[in-house]
């Protein structure tokens, strides 16, 4: 039995999802004639109480489009030093939009309004980049699936309004935060100008992300998607997977969170583990003792057909997901004690 906890992107469509995909109504989405895509976009816009939504093949493309919509070349976005848009999107902010990132030294991928305020460059000081956007990520990937405090997000909205800045949410794992904190999508729709949500992580779809926003900011989104090569044709087969996931895979995220907490409890009992970061959702980040070799530890797991990610500096990551069964969970907990 292979236990793959490298990411929640390793899942395969369930039988019900496959049936929904194969029976989908489709059309040419470049002409906006795919009924399944149109339904998914309408549903997500309504879910967040925002004007419009646009389907993308990847979360990186959705985020990169948002950056382009909010900024002009030479400007600057405020984001955490752990931000996905800075660390894991191939330098797209500079390549696609010609902008720089002002990195905040936050905690587990999250920062305070006071820290953000210090990062805003004076608009009349032409020697520094013009600050035009604040970007946050919820949950934080590199921060171990941590969830933002909603009150802090409100304060950041107020700061953005005061300084006439855009406000973008990378919500790749926002579904996990909503379930973990019992929050409502419309709360987020009222705060942010743009929100990207992923369908291929916790929700188990084979691909797809959606950018949601208000009409004024979204009017150029389809053009930017075209420029980035994101125009697709009969993509309704994949959009149908997203519709199915919204109906069947949202509430079950709580199971992933529960299993992640149980894994963390076992890890904390092991003498080889220095620290385990607090668990809020489905990501477990832990650090080995200094005398333990990361590669050897990973190899020992591989020999037991357990696959996780090494992050360097003796830090490792596991991510629970839809395909991680109860049987796998029991096996993993026992095997960890023998490493």
C-alpha atoms as a PDB file:
ATOM      1  CA  UNK A   1       0.000   0.000   0.000  1.00  0.00           C
ATOM      2  CA  UNK A   2       1.494   3.306  -1.142  1.00  0.00           C
ATOM      3  CA  UNK A   3       0.907   6.211   1.227  1.00  0.00           C
ATOM      4  CA  UNK A   4       1.462   9.490  -0.628  1.00  0.00           C
ATOM      5  CA  UNK A   5       1.350  12.576   1.578  1.00  0.00           C
ATOM      6  CA  UNK A   6       3.518  14.837  -0.579  1.00  0.00           C
ATOM      7  CA  UNK A   7       0.562  17.108  -1.353  1.00  0.00           C
ATOM      8  CA  UNK A   8      -3.212  17.240  -1.628  1.00  0.00           C
ATOM      9  CA  UNK A   9      -2.668  17.584  -5.389  1.00  0.00           C
ATOM     10  CA  UNK A  10      -1.895  13.846  -5.799  1.00  0.00           C
ATOM     11  CA  UNK A  11      -5.562  12.800  -5.608  1.00  0.00           C
ATOM     12  CA  UNK A  12      -7.463  11.147  -8.437  1.00  0.00           C
ATOM     13  CA  UNK A  13     -11.116  11.812  -9.323  1.00  0.00           C
ATOM     14  CA  UNK A  14     -13.636   9.711  -7.437  1.00  0.00           C
ATOM     15  CA  UNK A  15     -16.081   7.516  -9.345  1.00  0.00           C
ATOM     16  CA  UNK A  16     -18.848  10.048  -8.786  1.00  0.00           C
ATOM     17  CA  UNK A  17     -16.652  12.861 -10.060  1.00  0.00           C
ATOM     18  CA  UNK A  18     -15.687  10.858 -13.157  1.00  0.00           C
ATOM     19  CA  UNK A  19     -19.343  10.202 -13.933  1.00  0.00           C
ATOM     20  CA  UNK A  20     -20.127  13.905 -13.581  1.00  0.00           C
ATOM     21  CA  UNK A  21     -17.243  14.753 -15.902  1.00  0.00           C
ATOM     22  CA  UNK A  22     -18.233  12.254 -18.564  1.00  0.00           C
ATOM     23  CA  UNK A  23     -21.837  13.442 -18.619  1.00  0.00           C
ATOM     24  CA  UNK A  24     -20.991  17.160 -18.673  1.00  0.00           C
ATOM     25  CA  UNK A  25     -22.530  19.564 -21.167  1.00  0.00           C
ATOM     26  CA  UNK A  26     -19.707  21.317 -23.009  1.00  0.00           C
ATOM     27  CA  UNK A  27     -19.056  24.019 -25.575  1.00  0.00           C
ATOM     28  CA  UNK A  28     -16.261  26.316 -26.712  1.00  0.00           C
ATOM     29  CA  UNK A  29     -15.206  28.287 -23.650  1.00  0.00           C
ATOM     30  CA  UNK A  30     -13.140  30.765 -25.673  1.00  0.00           C
ATOM     31  CA  UNK A  31     -16.483  31.888 -27.063  1.00  0.00           C
ATOM     32  CA  UNK A  32     -17.909  31.636 -23.515  1.00  0.00           C
ATOM     33  CA  UNK A  33     -20.245  28.907 -24.798  1.00  0.00           C
ATOM     34  CA  UNK A  34     -19.377  26.120 -22.369  1.00  0.00           C
ATOM     35  CA  UNK A  35     -22.441  25.713 -20.119  1.00  0.00           C
ATOM     36  CA  UNK A  36     -20.583  23.799 -17.400  1.00  0.00           C
ATOM     37  CA  UNK A  37     -17.871  26.432 -17.135  1.00  0.00           C
ATOM     38  CA  UNK A  38     -20.445  29.201 -17.118  1.00  0.00           C
ATOM     39  CA  UNK A  39     -22.371  27.446 -14.350  1.00  0.00           C
ATOM     40  CA  UNK A  40     -19.221  26.959 -12.241  1.00  0.00           C
ATOM     41  CA  UNK A  41     -18.251  30.607 -12.659  1.00  0.00           C
ATOM     42  CA  UNK A  42     -21.745  31.821 -11.763  1.00  0.00           C
ATOM     43  CA  UNK A  43     -21.914  29.536  -8.768  1.00  0.00           C
ATOM     44  CA  UNK A  44     -18.586  30.670  -7.342  1.00  0.00           C
ATOM     45  CA  UNK A  45     -19.333  34.342  -7.932  1.00  0.00           C
ATOM     46  CA  UNK A  46     -22.640  33.883  -6.088  1.00  0.00           C
ATOM     47  CA  UNK A  47     -21.005  31.839  -3.329  1.00  0.00           C
ATOM     48  CA  UNK A  48     -18.610  34.700  -2.535  1.00  0.00           C
ATOM     49  CA  UNK A  49     -21.154  37.427  -3.243  1.00  0.00           C
ATOM     50  CA  UNK A  50     -18.961  38.928  -5.971  1.00  0.00           C
ATOM     51  CA  UNK A  51     -19.744  40.046  -9.500  1.00  0.00           C
ATOM     52  CA  UNK A  52     -17.754  37.737 -11.752  1.00  0.00           C
ATOM     53  CA  UNK A  53     -15.585  34.622 -11.847  1.00  0.00           C
ATOM     54  CA  UNK A  54     -13.231  33.222 -14.490  1.00  0.00           C
ATOM     55  CA  UNK A  55     -11.956  29.642 -14.807  1.00  0.00           C
ATOM     56  CA  UNK A  56      -8.185  29.052 -15.121  1.00  0.00           C
ATOM     57  CA  UNK A  57      -6.144  25.904 -15.739  1.00  0.00           C
ATOM     58  CA  UNK A  58      -3.882  26.613 -12.741  1.00  0.00           C
ATOM     59  CA  UNK A  59      -3.774  28.589  -9.529  1.00  0.00           C
ATOM     60  CA  UNK A  60      -0.524  30.242 -10.541  1.00  0.00           C
ATOM     61  CA  UNK A  61      -2.145  31.612 -13.701  1.00  0.00           C
ATOM     62  CA  UNK A  62      -5.107  32.893 -11.692  1.00  0.00           C
ATOM     63  CA  UNK A  63      -2.799  34.635  -9.217  1.00  0.00           C
ATOM     64  CA  UNK A  64      -0.606  36.030 -11.979  1.00  0.00           C
ATOM     65  CA  UNK A  65      -3.665  37.435 -13.706  1.00  0.00           C
ATOM     66  CA  UNK A  66      -4.755  39.099 -10.467  1.00  0.00           C
ATOM     67  CA  UNK A  67      -1.322  40.700 -10.045  1.00  0.00           C
ATOM     68  CA  UNK A  68      -1.515  42.016 -13.612  1.00  0.00           C
ATOM     69  CA  UNK A  69      -5.004  43.453 -13.075  1.00  0.00           C
ATOM     70  CA  UNK A  70      -3.976  45.294  -9.915  1.00  0.00           C
ATOM     71  CA  UNK A  71      -0.607  46.711 -10.976  1.00  0.00           C
ATOM     72  CA  UNK A  72       1.495  48.387 -13.642  1.00  0.00           C
ATOM     73  CA  UNK A  73       5.164  47.627 -14.403  1.00  0.00           C
ATOM     74  CA  UNK A  74       7.542  49.108 -11.870  1.00  0.00           C
ATOM     75  CA  UNK A  75       5.036  48.926  -9.019  1.00  0.00           C
ATOM     76  CA  UNK A  76       5.180  46.823  -5.874  1.00  0.00           C
ATOM     77  CA  UNK A  77       3.028  44.261  -4.064  1.00  0.00           C
ATOM     78  CA  UNK A  78       3.210  43.731  -0.307  1.00  0.00           C
ATOM     79  CA  UNK A  79       3.243  40.023   0.618  1.00  0.00           C
ATOM     80  CA  UNK A  80       4.687  37.720   3.238  1.00  0.00           C
ATOM     81  CA  UNK A  81       8.153  36.224   2.786  1.00  0.00           C
ATOM     82  CA  UNK A  82       6.452  32.789   2.600  1.00  0.00           C
ATOM     83  CA  UNK A  83       3.972  33.902  -0.096  1.00  0.00           C
ATOM     84  CA  UNK A  84       3.288  31.477  -2.934  1.00  0.00           C
ATOM     85  CA  UNK A  85       3.321  34.311  -5.477  1.00  0.00           C
ATOM     86  CA  UNK A  86       6.926  35.053  -4.471  1.00  0.00           C
ATOM     87  CA  UNK A  87       8.348  31.582  -3.779  1.00  0.00           C
ATOM     88  CA  UNK A  88       6.515  29.152  -6.019  1.00  0.00           C
ATOM     89  CA  UNK A  89       5.286  30.842  -9.187  1.00  0.00           C
ATOM     90  CA  UNK A  90       8.536  30.881 -11.132  1.00  0.00           C
ATOM     91  CA  UNK A  91       9.229  34.578 -10.710  1.00  0.00           C
ATOM     92  CA  UNK A  92       6.011  35.327 -12.578  1.00  0.00           C
ATOM     93  CA  UNK A  93       5.379  38.603 -10.745  1.00  0.00           C
ATOM     94  CA  UNK A  94       8.480  40.117 -12.322  1.00  0.00           C
ATOM     95  CA  UNK A  95       8.254  38.237 -15.634  1.00  0.00           C
ATOM     96  CA  UNK A  96       4.564  38.820 -16.363  1.00  0.00           C
ATOM     97  CA  UNK A  97       3.812  42.093 -14.601  1.00  0.00           C
ATOM     98  CA  UNK A  98       7.202  43.756 -14.174  1.00  0.00           C
ATOM     99  CA  UNK A  99       6.570  44.293 -10.473  1.00  0.00           C
ATOM    100  CA  UNK A 100       8.567  43.655  -7.313  1.00  0.00           C
ATOM    101  CA  UNK A 101       7.522  42.097  -4.014  1.00  0.00           C
ATOM    102  CA  UNK A 102       7.974  43.891  -0.711  1.00  0.00           C
ATOM    103  CA  UNK A 103       8.423  40.954   1.658  1.00  0.00           C
ATOM    104  CA  UNK A 104       6.993  41.127   5.157  1.00  0.00           C
ATOM    105  CA  UNK A 105       8.741  39.179   7.899  1.00  0.00           C
ATOM    106  CA  UNK A 106       5.516  37.652   9.178  1.00  0.00           C
ATOM    107  CA  UNK A 107       4.768  34.628  11.332  1.00  0.00           C
ATOM    108  CA  UNK A 108       3.880  31.371   9.547  1.00  0.00           C
ATOM    109  CA  UNK A 109       3.011  33.300   6.390  1.00  0.00           C
ATOM    110  CA  UNK A 110       0.827  35.903   8.109  1.00  0.00           C
ATOM    111  CA  UNK A 111       1.567  39.512   9.059  1.00  0.00           C
ATOM    112  CA  UNK A 112      -0.046  42.354  10.964  1.00  0.00           C
ATOM    113  CA  UNK A 113      -1.558  45.565   9.687  1.00  0.00           C
ATOM    114  CA  UNK A 114       1.268  47.455  11.415  1.00  0.00           C
ATOM    115  CA  UNK A 115       3.846  45.469   9.459  1.00  0.00           C
ATOM    116  CA  UNK A 116       2.000  46.115   6.204  1.00  0.00           C
ATOM    117  CA  UNK A 117       1.784  49.822   6.963  1.00  0.00           C
ATOM    118  CA  UNK A 118       5.561  50.001   7.319  1.00  0.00           C
ATOM    119  CA  UNK A 119       5.930  48.494   3.840  1.00  0.00           C
ATOM    120  CA  UNK A 120       3.904  51.125   1.988  1.00  0.00           C
ATOM    121  CA  UNK A 121       6.255  53.414   0.084  1.00  0.00           C
ATOM    122  CA  UNK A 122       5.417  57.151   0.073  1.00  0.00           C
ATOM    123  CA  UNK A 123       3.539  57.676  -3.223  1.00  0.00           C
ATOM    124  CA  UNK A 124       5.277  60.979  -3.948  1.00  0.00           C
ATOM    125  CA  UNK A 125       8.780  59.539  -3.379  1.00  0.00           C
ATOM    126  CA  UNK A 126       9.566  58.567  -6.958  1.00  0.00           C
ATOM    127  CA  UNK A 127      12.844  56.841  -6.081  1.00  0.00           C
ATOM    128  CA  UNK A 128      11.009  53.817  -4.622  1.00  0.00           C
ATOM    129  CA  UNK A 129       8.458  51.551  -6.318  1.00  0.00           C
ATOM    130  CA  UNK A 130       4.854  52.664  -6.069  1.00  0.00           C
ATOM    131  CA  UNK A 131       2.961  50.369  -3.686  1.00  0.00           C
ATOM    132  CA  UNK A 132      -0.347  49.357  -5.275  1.00  0.00           C
ATOM    133  CA  UNK A 133      -1.379  45.982  -3.858  1.00  0.00           C
ATOM    134  CA  UNK A 134      -1.563  43.952  -0.645  1.00  0.00           C
ATOM    135  CA  UNK A 135      -1.629  40.175  -1.145  1.00  0.00           C
ATOM    136  CA  UNK A 136      -2.366  37.518   1.480  1.00  0.00           C
ATOM    137  CA  UNK A 137      -2.569  33.719   1.362  1.00  0.00           C
ATOM    138  CA  UNK A 138      -5.120  31.672   3.329  1.00  0.00           C
ATOM    139  CA  UNK A 139      -4.343  29.022   4.383  1.00  0.00           C
ATOM    140  CA  UNK A 140      -0.597  29.578   4.269  1.00  0.00           C
ATOM    141  CA  UNK A 141       1.181  26.813   2.386  1.00  0.00           C
ATOM    142  CA  UNK A 142       4.726  27.328   3.642  1.00  0.00           C
ATOM    143  CA  UNK A 143       3.307  28.384   7.004  1.00  0.00           C
ATOM    144  CA  UNK A 144       1.922  24.898   7.586  1.00  0.00           C
ATOM    145  CA  UNK A 145      -1.728  25.373   6.701  1.00  0.00           C
ATOM    146  CA  UNK A 146      -2.207  28.229   9.168  1.00  0.00           C
ATOM    147  CA  UNK A 147      -5.415  30.266   9.015  1.00  0.00           C
ATOM    148  CA  UNK A 148      -5.507  34.049   9.159  1.00  0.00           C
ATOM    149  CA  UNK A 149      -7.372  35.806  11.933  1.00  0.00           C
ATOM    150  CA  UNK A 150     -10.324  37.400  10.175  1.00  0.00           C
ATOM    151  CA  UNK A 151     -10.116  40.569  12.263  1.00  0.00           C
ATOM    152  CA  UNK A 152      -6.588  41.147  10.929  1.00  0.00           C
ATOM    153  CA  UNK A 153      -7.851  40.728   7.376  1.00  0.00           C
ATOM    154  CA  UNK A 154     -10.464  43.414   8.078  1.00  0.00           C
ATOM    155  CA  UNK A 155      -7.760  45.772   9.324  1.00  0.00           C
ATOM    156  CA  UNK A 156      -5.737  45.159   6.170  1.00  0.00           C
ATOM    157  CA  UNK A 157      -8.815  46.017   4.075  1.00  0.00           C
ATOM    158  CA  UNK A 158      -9.107  49.296   5.933  1.00  0.00           C
ATOM    159  CA  UNK A 159      -5.415  49.988   5.345  1.00  0.00           C
ATOM    160  CA  UNK A 160      -5.802  49.222   1.625  1.00  0.00           C
ATOM    161  CA  UNK A 161      -8.767  51.597   1.387  1.00  0.00           C
ATOM    162  CA  UNK A 162      -6.913  54.369   3.203  1.00  0.00           C
ATOM    163  CA  UNK A 163      -3.976  54.175   0.804  1.00  0.00           C
ATOM    164  CA  UNK A 164      -6.008  53.267  -2.310  1.00  0.00           C
ATOM    165  CA  UNK A 165      -4.351  49.854  -2.684  1.00  0.00           C
ATOM    166  CA  UNK A 166      -5.738  46.702  -4.236  1.00  0.00           C
ATOM    167  CA  UNK A 167      -6.355  43.664  -2.038  1.00  0.00           C
ATOM    168  CA  UNK A 168      -5.898  40.118  -3.396  1.00  0.00           C
ATOM    169  CA  UNK A 169      -6.394  36.778  -1.644  1.00  0.00           C
ATOM    170  CA  UNK A 170      -4.527  33.698  -2.808  1.00  0.00           C
ATOM    171  CA  UNK A 171      -7.144  31.268  -1.561  1.00  0.00           C
ATOM    172  CA  UNK A 172      -5.623  28.074  -2.943  1.00  0.00           C
ATOM    173  CA  UNK A 173      -6.624  26.324   0.311  1.00  0.00           C
ATOM    174  CA  UNK A 174      -9.291  28.791   1.401  1.00  0.00           C
ATOM    175  CA  UNK A 175     -11.780  25.901   1.504  1.00  0.00           C
ATOM    176  CA  UNK A 176      -9.749  24.394   4.354  1.00  0.00           C
ATOM    177  CA  UNK A 177      -9.803  27.675   6.273  1.00  0.00           C
ATOM    178  CA  UNK A 178     -13.559  28.071   5.803  1.00  0.00           C
ATOM    179  CA  UNK A 179     -14.198  24.599   7.214  1.00  0.00           C
ATOM    180  CA  UNK A 180     -11.638  24.854  10.028  1.00  0.00           C
ATOM    181  CA  UNK A 181     -12.877  28.244  11.253  1.00  0.00           C
ATOM    182  CA  UNK A 182     -16.553  27.871  10.342  1.00  0.00           C
ATOM    183  CA  UNK A 183     -16.405  30.972   8.158  1.00  0.00           C
ATOM    184  CA  UNK A 184     -18.582  32.016   5.231  1.00  0.00           C
ATOM    185  CA  UNK A 185     -17.312  32.706   1.694  1.00  0.00           C
ATOM    186  CA  UNK A 186     -19.328  35.926   1.550  1.00  0.00           C
ATOM    187  CA  UNK A 187     -17.262  37.300   4.455  1.00  0.00           C
ATOM    188  CA  UNK A 188     -14.252  37.099   2.164  1.00  0.00           C
ATOM    189  CA  UNK A 189     -16.105  38.404  -0.864  1.00  0.00           C
ATOM    190  CA  UNK A 190     -16.955  41.556   1.076  1.00  0.00           C
ATOM    191  CA  UNK A 191     -13.283  42.170   1.935  1.00  0.00           C
ATOM    192  CA  UNK A 192     -11.216  41.413  -1.140  1.00  0.00           C
ATOM    193  CA  UNK A 193     -11.077  42.885  -4.623  1.00  0.00           C
ATOM    194  CA  UNK A 194     -10.000  39.541  -6.089  1.00  0.00           C
ATOM    195  CA  UNK A 195      -9.861  35.989  -4.747  1.00  0.00           C
ATOM    196  CA  UNK A 196      -8.339  32.907  -6.363  1.00  0.00           C
ATOM    197  CA  UNK A 197      -9.636  29.499  -5.265  1.00  0.00           C
ATOM    198  CA  UNK A 198      -8.206  26.112  -6.228  1.00  0.00           C
ATOM    199  CA  UNK A 199     -10.239  23.066  -7.191  1.00  0.00           C
ATOM    200  CA  UNK A 200      -7.355  20.579  -7.498  1.00  0.00           C
ATOM    201  CA  UNK A 201      -6.069  20.598  -3.918  1.00  0.00           C
ATOM    202  CA  UNK A 202      -8.449  19.769  -1.056  1.00  0.00           C
ATOM    203  CA  UNK A 203     -11.447  19.374  -3.369  1.00  0.00           C
ATOM    204  CA  UNK A 204      -9.823  16.594  -5.379  1.00  0.00           C
ATOM    205  CA  UNK A 205     -10.351  17.833  -8.942  1.00  0.00           C
ATOM    206  CA  UNK A 206      -7.814  16.912 -11.650  1.00  0.00           C
ATOM    207  CA  UNK A 207      -7.119  20.580 -12.445  1.00  0.00           C
ATOM    208  CA  UNK A 208      -8.509  24.089 -12.286  1.00  0.00           C
ATOM    209  CA  UNK A 209      -8.663  27.312 -10.308  1.00  0.00           C
ATOM    210  CA  UNK A 210     -11.096  30.208 -10.452  1.00  0.00           C
ATOM    211  CA  UNK A 211     -10.448  33.936 -10.060  1.00  0.00           C
ATOM    212  CA  UNK A 212     -13.378  35.789  -8.511  1.00  0.00           C
ATOM    213  CA  UNK A 213     -13.758  39.548  -8.267  1.00  0.00           C
ATOM    214  CA  UNK A 214     -15.848  42.617  -8.742  1.00  0.00           C
ATOM    215  CA  UNK A 215     -16.804  43.809 -12.208  1.00  0.00           C
ATOM    216  CA  UNK A 216     -14.476  46.787 -12.502  1.00  0.00           C
ATOM    217  CA  UNK A 217     -11.283  44.857 -11.699  1.00  0.00           C
ATOM    218  CA  UNK A 218     -12.338  41.700 -13.597  1.00  0.00           C
ATOM    219  CA  UNK A 219     -13.128  43.358 -16.935  1.00  0.00           C
ATOM    220  CA  UNK A 220      -9.566  42.758 -18.171  1.00  0.00           C
ATOM    221  CA  UNK A 221      -9.179  39.253 -16.726  1.00  0.00           C
ATOM    222  CA  UNK A 222     -10.131  37.277 -19.822  1.00  0.00           C
ATOM    223  CA  UNK A 223      -7.676  39.286 -21.944  1.00  0.00           C
ATOM    224  CA  UNK A 224      -4.833  38.608 -19.491  1.00  0.00           C
ATOM    225  CA  UNK A 225      -5.770  34.919 -19.406  1.00  0.00           C
ATOM    226  CA  UNK A 226      -5.571  34.861 -23.215  1.00  0.00           C
ATOM    227  CA  UNK A 227      -2.153  36.546 -23.186  1.00  0.00           C
ATOM    228  CA  UNK A 228      -0.882  33.972 -20.691  1.00  0.00           C
ATOM    229  CA  UNK A 229      -2.108  31.135 -22.902  1.00  0.00           C
ATOM    230  CA  UNK A 230      -5.091  30.182 -20.777  1.00  0.00           C
ATOM    231  CA  UNK A 231      -7.833  30.175 -23.396  1.00  0.00           C
ATOM    232  CA  UNK A 232      -9.427  26.696 -23.426  1.00  0.00           C
ATOM    233  CA  UNK A 233     -12.101  24.998 -25.480  1.00  0.00           C
ATOM    234  CA  UNK A 234     -14.403  22.196 -24.220  1.00  0.00           C
ATOM    235  CA  UNK A 235     -13.153  22.556 -20.672  1.00  0.00           C
ATOM    236  CA  UNK A 236     -16.577  21.832 -19.209  1.00  0.00           C
ATOM    237  CA  UNK A 237     -15.490  18.265 -18.514  1.00  0.00           C
ATOM    238  CA  UNK A 238     -13.152  19.678 -15.872  1.00  0.00           C
ATOM    239  CA  UNK A 239     -15.565  22.373 -14.705  1.00  0.00           C
ATOM    240  CA  UNK A 240     -18.070  19.587 -14.016  1.00  0.00           C
ATOM    241  CA  UNK A 241     -15.521  18.085 -11.625  1.00  0.00           C
ATOM    242  CA  UNK A 242     -15.466  21.417  -9.790  1.00  0.00           C
ATOM    243  CA  UNK A 243     -19.254  21.515  -9.537  1.00  0.00           C
ATOM    244  CA  UNK A 244     -19.279  17.965  -8.200  1.00  0.00           C
ATOM    245  CA  UNK A 245     -16.571  18.794  -5.652  1.00  0.00           C
ATOM    246  CA  UNK A 246     -18.498  21.788  -4.327  1.00  0.00           C
ATOM    247  CA  UNK A 247     -21.464  19.488  -3.696  1.00  0.00           C
ATOM    248  CA  UNK A 248     -19.600  16.491  -2.266  1.00  0.00           C
ATOM    249  CA  UNK A 249     -16.086  17.294  -1.093  1.00  0.00           C
ATOM    250  CA  UNK A 250     -16.288  20.466   0.982  1.00  0.00           C
ATOM    251  CA  UNK A 251     -17.555  19.233   4.336  1.00  0.00           C
ATOM    252  CA  UNK A 252     -15.247  16.207   4.312  1.00  0.00           C
ATOM    253  CA  UNK A 253     -12.200  18.501   4.595  1.00  0.00           C
ATOM    254  CA  UNK A 254     -12.752  18.263   8.355  1.00  0.00           C
ATOM    255  CA  UNK A 255     -11.631  14.610   8.099  1.00  0.00           C
ATOM    256  CA  UNK A 256      -8.305  15.702   6.624  1.00  0.00           C
ATOM    257  CA  UNK A 257      -7.833  18.198   9.439  1.00  0.00           C
ATOM    258  CA  UNK A 258      -8.573  15.552  12.078  1.00  0.00           C
ATOM    259  CA  UNK A 259      -6.076  13.108  10.588  1.00  0.00           C
ATOM    260  CA  UNK A 260      -3.408  15.820  10.351  1.00  0.00           C
ATOM    261  CA  UNK A 261      -3.821  16.564  14.052  1.00  0.00           C
ATOM    262  CA  UNK A 262      -3.519  12.845  14.886  1.00  0.00           C
ATOM    263  CA  UNK A 263      -0.322  12.535  12.847  1.00  0.00           C
ATOM    264  CA  UNK A 264       1.104  15.556  14.659  1.00  0.00           C
ATOM    265  CA  UNK A 265       0.303  13.967  18.036  1.00  0.00           C
ATOM    266  CA  UNK A 266       2.353  10.891  17.138  1.00  0.00           C
ATOM    267  CA  UNK A 267       5.232  12.940  15.724  1.00  0.00           C
ATOM    268  CA  UNK A 268       5.471  14.896  18.968  1.00  0.00           C
ATOM    269  CA  UNK A 269       6.144  11.645  20.851  1.00  0.00           C
ATOM    270  CA  UNK A 270       9.120  10.663  18.682  1.00  0.00           C
ATOM    271  CA  UNK A 271      12.612  11.339  19.994  1.00  0.00           C
ATOM    272  CA  UNK A 272      13.912  12.117  16.483  1.00  0.00           C
ATOM    273  CA  UNK A 273      11.525  15.075  16.064  1.00  0.00           C
ATOM    274  CA  UNK A 274      12.582  18.486  17.347  1.00  0.00           C
ATOM    275  CA  UNK A 275       9.376  20.418  16.717  1.00  0.00           C
ATOM    276  CA  UNK A 276       5.960  20.061  15.077  1.00  0.00           C
ATOM    277  CA  UNK A 277       4.233  23.249  13.987  1.00  0.00           C
ATOM    278  CA  UNK A 278       0.675  23.867  15.226  1.00  0.00           C
ATOM    279  CA  UNK A 279      -1.946  22.078  13.121  1.00  0.00           C
ATOM    280  CA  UNK A 280      -5.043  23.958  11.998  1.00  0.00           C
ATOM    281  CA  UNK A 281      -5.872  22.303   8.694  1.00  0.00           C
ATOM    282  CA  UNK A 282      -4.350  19.541   6.546  1.00  0.00           C
ATOM    283  CA  UNK A 283      -0.636  20.427   6.460  1.00  0.00           C
ATOM    284  CA  UNK A 284       1.912  19.041   8.925  1.00  0.00           C
ATOM    285  CA  UNK A 285       5.358  20.648   8.993  1.00  0.00           C
ATOM    286  CA  UNK A 286       7.895  19.192  11.403  1.00  0.00           C
ATOM    287  CA  UNK A 287      11.612  19.491  12.056  1.00  0.00           C
ATOM    288  CA  UNK A 288      14.079  16.700  12.756  1.00  0.00           C
ATOM    289  CA  UNK A 289      16.693  16.888  15.478  1.00  0.00           C
ATOM    290  CA  UNK A 290      20.048  18.255  14.343  1.00  0.00           C
ATOM    291  CA  UNK A 291      21.703  14.823  14.546  1.00  0.00           C
ATOM    292  CA  UNK A 292      19.137  13.239  12.192  1.00  0.00           C
ATOM    293  CA  UNK A 293      19.881  13.258   8.462  1.00  0.00           C
ATOM    294  CA  UNK A 294      16.885  14.458   6.456  1.00  0.00           C
ATOM    295  CA  UNK A 295      17.668  12.329   3.390  1.00  0.00           C
ATOM    296  CA  UNK A 296      18.134   9.181   5.466  1.00  0.00           C
ATOM    297  CA  UNK A 297      14.856   9.815   7.265  1.00  0.00           C
ATOM    298  CA  UNK A 298      13.017  10.271   3.957  1.00  0.00           C
ATOM    299  CA  UNK A 299      14.633   7.104   2.563  1.00  0.00           C
ATOM    300  CA  UNK A 300      13.526   5.145   5.620  1.00  0.00           C
ATOM    301  CA  UNK A 301       9.957   6.268   4.942  1.00  0.00           C
ATOM    302  CA  UNK A 302      10.272   5.442   1.232  1.00  0.00           C
ATOM    303  CA  UNK A 303      11.312   1.901   2.106  1.00  0.00           C
ATOM    304  CA  UNK A 304       7.962   1.576   3.859  1.00  0.00           C
ATOM    305  CA  UNK A 305       6.236   3.072   0.773  1.00  0.00           C
ATOM    306  CA  UNK A 306       5.492   6.319   2.618  1.00  0.00           C
ATOM    307  CA  UNK A 307       6.147   9.431   0.549  1.00  0.00           C
ATOM    308  CA  UNK A 308       6.446  12.932   2.003  1.00  0.00           C
ATOM    309  CA  UNK A 309       8.297  16.142   1.088  1.00  0.00           C
ATOM    310  CA  UNK A 310      11.656  17.359   2.343  1.00  0.00           C
ATOM    311  CA  UNK A 311      11.765  21.151   2.619  1.00  0.00           C
ATOM    312  CA  UNK A 312      15.484  21.447   3.444  1.00  0.00           C
ATOM    313  CA  UNK A 313      17.152  22.396   6.719  1.00  0.00           C
ATOM    314  CA  UNK A 314      15.729  19.218   8.322  1.00  0.00           C
ATOM    315  CA  UNK A 315      12.134  20.380   7.822  1.00  0.00           C
ATOM    316  CA  UNK A 316       9.601  17.997   6.298  1.00  0.00           C
ATOM    317  CA  UNK A 317       5.981  18.232   5.216  1.00  0.00           C
ATOM    318  CA  UNK A 318       2.957  15.956   5.035  1.00  0.00           C
ATOM    319  CA  UNK A 319      -0.441  16.871   3.577  1.00  0.00           C
ATOM    320  CA  UNK A 320      -3.598  14.847   4.214  1.00  0.00           C
ATOM    321  CA  UNK A 321      -6.188  14.581   1.444  1.00  0.00           C
ATOM    322  CA  UNK A 322      -9.166  12.869  -0.139  1.00  0.00           C
ATOM    323  CA  UNK A 323      -7.250   9.719  -1.176  1.00  0.00           C
ATOM    324  CA  UNK A 324      -5.619   9.211   2.231  1.00  0.00           C
ATOM    325  CA  UNK A 325      -7.814   6.463   3.630  1.00  0.00           C
ATOM    326  CA  UNK A 326      -8.488   5.345   7.194  1.00  0.00           C
ATOM    327  CA  UNK A 327      -6.443   2.197   6.532  1.00  0.00           C
ATOM    328  CA  UNK A 328      -3.504   4.273   5.300  1.00  0.00           C
ATOM    329  CA  UNK A 329      -3.836   6.489   8.343  1.00  0.00           C
ATOM    330  CA  UNK A 330      -3.655   3.578  10.784  1.00  0.00           C
ATOM    331  CA  UNK A 331      -0.648   2.148   8.954  1.00  0.00           C
ATOM    332  CA  UNK A 332       1.172   5.468   8.916  1.00  0.00           C
ATOM    333  CA  UNK A 333       0.702   6.088  12.631  1.00  0.00           C
ATOM    334  CA  UNK A 334       2.130   2.642  13.417  1.00  0.00           C
ATOM    335  CA  UNK A 335       5.011   2.926  10.966  1.00  0.00           C
ATOM    336  CA  UNK A 336       6.094   6.338  12.235  1.00  0.00           C
ATOM    337  CA  UNK A 337       6.761   4.806  15.640  1.00  0.00           C
ATOM    338  CA  UNK A 338       9.211   2.325  14.088  1.00  0.00           C
ATOM    339  CA  UNK A 339      11.327   4.751  12.037  1.00  0.00           C
END
